[in-house]
Amino acid sequence: MITRVAVVPHPPLLVPALTVRADAETERLRGACLRAVSSLADSSAEWVAVGVDPSGPIRFSSTTSGTFAGYGRDVRVSLGDPSLGDAAEPLTELPLPALIAGLLREQAGARTVDVRLLAPGTPAEQCRDLGAELAGSDTALLVLAEGSNRSDERSPHRPDHRARPLDELLATALARVDAEALMELDPALCAEVGVSREALQVLPGVVAEGTWRGELLYSGTPFGVTYDVATWTRDD
């Protein structure tokens, strides 16, 4: 069964080769992500990753590889250790959450990551049901999700006064393993301010049984987009 979960964002700035000069905040974010996925690898070398993308619902197996060429550099990643078998040719159009899952797999030294991307607008119950389906797997779970992109003047979209309170709610829910709060997220509000609701709502299905504790490793809005990094661990 799944006993360890890591929640991380998926911005291109996590890729060192795409950043000319990383500032202190970027380094903090990258360091927190590495801590989270290293903890995941300590639990299992086989991962399942869940994210959200307009191409969804879609699944990418561990034989898939891709490149960040579309983001400026031909940095190649694989969802599985190439030494375990022949990987496919790099896919330039591999969705960003899948690319980041491959990058983090390599950084943490995990063997494989199977990526499942949900479609935007997937109902909360379906997201939770996917989590319940995954809960019995002999894997660790990587959730790729981001907070709002409308919190302040640096945001890529017009600021929305509802964004910051929602971000605070998400950070608290991740720190406290508050599955109920995640299930109660407003789909319309999340869509309007850019929150990856669908991926986050997989979590309640995973932690429906057992005793879990959370640790919030990072929460910040360095470039107008809120990023949270957290780990959830089952104690019983």
Protein backbone atom coordinates (compact mmCIF):
# COMPACT_ATOMS: atom_id res chain seq x y z
CA MET A 1 0.00 0.00 0.00
CA ILE A 2 0.99 3.64 -0.37
CA THR A 3 2.58 4.90 2.85
CA ARG A 4 4.36 8.02 1.57
CA VAL A 5 3.11 10.93 -0.53
CA ALA A 6 4.99 13.96 -1.82
CA VAL A 7 3.25 17.07 -3.13
CA VAL A 8 5.36 19.32 -5.34
CA PRO A 9 4.80 22.00 -8.00
CA HIS A 10 5.89 21.57 -11.60
CA PRO A 11 7.33 24.87 -12.92
CA PRO A 12 10.18 24.81 -15.48
CA LEU A 13 12.36 26.69 -12.97
CA LEU A 14 12.94 23.37 -11.20
CA VAL A 15 15.24 22.49 -14.11
CA PRO A 16 18.71 23.96 -13.37
CA ALA A 17 19.69 24.06 -17.05
CA LEU A 18 16.73 26.32 -17.84
CA THR A 19 17.79 28.98 -15.33
CA VAL A 20 20.77 31.22 -16.06
CA ARG A 21 21.13 32.27 -12.44
CA ALA A 22 18.99 30.79 -9.68
CA ASP A 23 18.16 33.18 -6.84
CA ALA A 24 17.91 32.18 -3.19
CA GLU A 25 14.17 31.56 -3.37
CA THR A 26 14.53 29.27 -6.38
CA GLU A 27 17.21 27.32 -4.54
CA ARG A 28 14.93 27.00 -1.51
CA LEU A 29 12.14 25.66 -3.69
CA ARG A 30 14.39 23.19 -5.50
CA GLY A 31 15.89 22.04 -2.22
CA ALA A 32 12.45 21.42 -0.72
CA CYS A 33 11.36 19.44 -3.79
CA LEU A 34 14.49 17.31 -3.61
CA ARG A 35 13.90 16.62 0.08
CA ALA A 36 10.32 15.61 -0.64
CA VAL A 37 11.11 13.23 -3.49
CA SER A 38 14.16 11.79 -1.70
CA SER A 39 11.78 10.91 1.13
CA LEU A 40 9.52 9.33 -1.47
CA ALA A 41 12.39 7.25 -2.85
CA ASP A 42 13.20 6.07 0.68
CA SER A 43 9.71 4.59 0.80
CA SER A 44 9.64 3.01 -2.67
CA ALA A 45 11.67 3.01 -5.89
CA GLU A 46 8.44 2.67 -7.88
CA TRP A 47 6.25 5.77 -8.08
CA VAL A 48 2.88 6.81 -9.39
CA ALA A 49 2.56 10.50 -10.24
CA VAL A 50 -0.72 12.38 -10.61
CA GLY A 51 -1.12 15.80 -12.21
CA VAL A 52 -3.49 17.87 -14.33
CA ASP A 53 -3.16 18.75 -18.00
CA PRO A 54 -5.50 19.69 -20.88
CA SER A 55 -4.32 16.53 -22.66
CA GLY A 56 -5.85 14.38 -19.91
CA PRO A 57 -7.06 11.95 -19.01
CA ILE A 58 -3.88 10.31 -20.23
CA ARG A 59 -1.29 7.92 -18.85
CA PHE A 60 2.45 7.67 -19.51
CA SER A 61 4.33 4.51 -18.58
CA SER A 62 7.90 4.21 -17.39
CA THR A 63 9.11 3.48 -20.93
CA THR A 64 8.32 7.09 -21.88
CA SER A 65 10.94 9.78 -22.22
CA GLY A 66 10.77 13.44 -23.07
CA THR A 67 12.69 16.67 -23.50
CA PHE A 68 12.41 20.23 -22.22
CA ALA A 69 13.32 21.51 -25.69
CA GLY A 70 9.99 23.31 -25.83
CA TYR A 71 11.10 25.34 -22.80
CA GLY A 72 14.42 26.40 -24.30
CA ARG A 73 16.92 23.58 -23.71
CA ASP A 74 17.07 19.98 -24.91
CA VAL A 75 17.24 18.54 -21.41
CA ARG A 76 16.09 14.93 -21.68
CA VAL A 77 14.38 12.95 -18.97
CA SER A 78 12.91 9.48 -18.71
CA LEU A 79 10.08 8.09 -16.61
CA GLY A 80 12.12 4.95 -16.07
CA ASP A 81 15.74 3.99 -15.59
CA PRO A 82 17.03 3.45 -19.16
CA SER A 83 19.16 0.55 -17.94
CA LEU A 84 15.95 -1.39 -17.22
CA GLY A 85 14.97 -1.49 -20.88
CA ASP A 86 14.67 0.46 -24.10
CA ALA A 87 13.03 3.85 -23.65
CA ALA A 88 11.06 5.58 -26.37
CA GLU A 89 12.47 8.45 -28.37
CA PRO A 90 12.23 11.80 -26.57
CA LEU A 91 8.81 13.39 -26.85
CA THR A 92 9.12 17.15 -27.22
CA GLU A 93 5.42 17.60 -26.48
CA LEU A 94 5.36 15.52 -23.30
CA PRO A 95 3.22 17.57 -20.85
CA LEU A 96 5.13 19.62 -18.29
CA PRO A 97 3.90 17.67 -15.22
CA ALA A 98 5.19 14.44 -16.79
CA LEU A 99 8.53 16.04 -17.64
CA ILE A 100 8.95 17.28 -14.08
CA ALA A 101 8.00 13.84 -12.75
CA GLY A 102 10.79 12.36 -14.87
CA LEU A 103 13.27 14.99 -13.71
CA LEU A 104 12.47 14.41 -10.03
CA ARG A 105 12.61 10.63 -10.50
CA GLU A 106 16.14 10.98 -11.82
CA GLN A 107 17.19 13.39 -9.07
CA ALA A 108 15.87 11.08 -6.33
CA GLY A 109 17.19 7.90 -7.91
CA ALA A 110 13.83 6.12 -8.17
CA ARG A 111 13.51 3.35 -10.76
CA THR A 112 10.21 4.22 -12.39
CA VAL A 113 7.33 6.66 -12.32
CA ASP A 114 3.98 5.95 -13.94
CA VAL A 115 2.28 9.28 -14.73
CA ARG A 116 -1.48 9.82 -14.76
CA LEU A 117 -2.75 13.21 -15.86
CA LEU A 118 -6.33 14.19 -15.11
CA ALA A 119 -8.36 16.49 -17.31
CA PRO A 120 -9.20 19.95 -15.95
CA GLY A 121 -12.71 19.87 -14.54
CA THR A 122 -12.62 16.25 -13.42
CA PRO A 123 -15.26 15.93 -10.66
CA ALA A 124 -13.97 15.71 -7.10
CA GLU A 125 -15.49 12.27 -6.57
CA GLN A 126 -13.63 10.85 -9.57
CA CYS A 127 -10.36 12.31 -8.30
CA ARG A 128 -10.93 10.80 -4.85
CA ASP A 129 -11.85 7.45 -6.42
CA LEU A 130 -8.55 7.42 -8.33
CA GLY A 131 -6.77 7.98 -5.03
CA ALA A 132 -8.65 5.09 -3.44
CA GLU A 133 -7.73 2.90 -6.41
CA LEU A 134 -4.06 3.80 -6.07
CA ALA A 135 -3.99 3.49 -2.27
CA GLY A 136 -3.42 -0.26 -2.32
CA SER A 137 -0.53 -0.07 -4.79
CA ASP A 138 2.96 -1.09 -3.71
CA THR A 139 4.29 2.32 -4.75
CA ALA A 140 4.83 5.85 -3.49
CA LEU A 141 2.69 8.74 -4.74
CA LEU A 142 3.94 11.98 -6.30
CA VAL A 143 1.29 14.69 -6.63
CA LEU A 144 2.15 17.51 -9.03
CA ALA A 145 0.03 20.52 -8.12
CA GLU A 146 0.31 24.29 -7.85
CA GLY A 147 -1.47 27.02 -5.97
CA SER A 148 -2.96 30.18 -7.41
CA ASN A 149 -1.47 32.24 -10.23
CA ARG A 150 -3.40 35.43 -9.38
CA SER A 151 -2.17 36.33 -5.90
CA ASP A 152 -0.23 39.58 -6.52
CA GLU A 153 1.15 42.04 -9.06
CA ARG A 154 3.90 39.62 -10.13
CA SER A 155 1.36 36.97 -11.13
CA PRO A 156 0.98 36.06 -14.82
CA HIS A 157 -2.72 36.96 -14.61
CA ARG A 158 -4.70 39.81 -13.08
CA PRO A 159 -4.60 39.57 -9.25
CA ASP A 160 -7.72 38.18 -7.58
CA HIS A 161 -8.45 38.95 -3.92
CA ARG A 162 -9.73 35.39 -3.42
CA ALA A 163 -6.40 33.80 -4.35
CA ARG A 164 -4.36 34.42 -1.22
CA PRO A 165 -6.95 33.06 1.26
CA LEU A 166 -7.26 29.96 -0.90
CA ASP A 167 -3.48 29.54 -0.93
CA GLU A 168 -3.42 29.80 2.86
CA LEU A 169 -6.12 27.15 3.10
CA LEU A 170 -4.14 24.81 0.85
CA ALA A 171 -0.91 25.23 2.82
CA THR A 172 -2.74 24.50 6.07
CA ALA A 173 -4.50 21.46 4.61
CA LEU A 174 -1.21 20.03 3.35
CA ALA A 175 0.50 20.60 6.69
CA ARG A 176 -2.35 19.00 8.64
CA VAL A 177 -3.38 16.20 6.23
CA ASP A 178 -6.82 17.80 6.06
CA ALA A 179 -8.49 15.63 3.43
CA GLU A 180 -11.91 17.14 4.14
CA ALA A 181 -10.68 20.64 3.31
CA LEU A 182 -9.27 19.40 0.01
CA MET A 183 -12.52 17.67 -0.92
CA GLU A 184 -14.44 20.88 -0.23
CA LEU A 185 -12.41 22.99 -2.66
CA ASP A 186 -14.64 25.06 -4.93
CA PRO A 187 -14.07 23.83 -8.52
CA ALA A 188 -15.06 27.13 -10.11
CA LEU A 189 -12.85 29.21 -7.83
CA CYS A 190 -9.87 26.90 -8.27
CA ALA A 191 -10.23 27.04 -12.05
CA GLU A 192 -10.44 30.83 -12.01
CA VAL A 193 -7.30 31.35 -9.93
CA GLY A 194 -5.23 28.49 -11.38
CA VAL A 195 -5.19 25.96 -8.51
CA SER A 196 -4.50 22.31 -9.47
CA ARG A 197 -7.61 21.12 -7.62
CA GLU A 198 -7.99 17.83 -9.44
CA ALA A 199 -4.56 16.48 -8.46
CA LEU A 200 -5.01 17.59 -4.85
CA GLN A 201 -8.38 15.87 -4.61
CA VAL A 202 -6.74 12.51 -5.33
CA LEU A 203 -5.19 12.74 -1.85
CA PRO A 204 -8.38 12.15 0.20
CA GLY A 205 -8.85 8.77 -1.47
CA VAL A 206 -5.28 7.77 -0.62
CA VAL A 207 -5.49 8.68 3.08
CA ALA A 208 -9.03 7.45 3.74
CA GLU A 209 -7.62 4.73 5.99
CA GLY A 210 -4.82 4.80 8.52
CA THR A 211 -3.16 7.53 10.54
CA TRP A 212 -1.19 10.09 8.56
CA ARG A 213 1.07 13.00 9.45
CA GLY A 214 2.06 15.88 7.21
CA GLU A 215 5.07 18.13 6.89
CA LEU A 216 5.03 21.36 4.90
CA LEU A 217 8.56 21.82 3.56
CA TYR A 218 7.96 24.98 1.56
CA SER A 219 5.18 27.46 0.84
CA GLY A 220 5.81 30.62 -1.12
CA THR A 221 4.88 32.79 -4.08
CA PRO A 222 8.27 33.71 -5.54
CA PHE A 223 7.15 34.68 -9.04
CA GLY A 224 3.46 35.36 -8.57
CA VAL A 225 2.53 31.66 -8.56
CA THR A 226 2.10 29.87 -5.25
CA TYR A 227 4.13 26.70 -4.76
CA ASP A 228 3.72 24.26 -1.86
CA VAL A 229 5.96 21.29 -1.10
CA ALA A 230 4.78 18.73 1.43
CA THR A 231 5.11 15.12 2.47
CA TRP A 232 2.45 12.87 3.99
CA THR A 233 3.48 9.72 5.83
CA ARG A 234 1.34 6.86 7.11
CA ASP A 235 2.28 5.96 10.67
CA ASP A 236 0.32 2.73 11.22
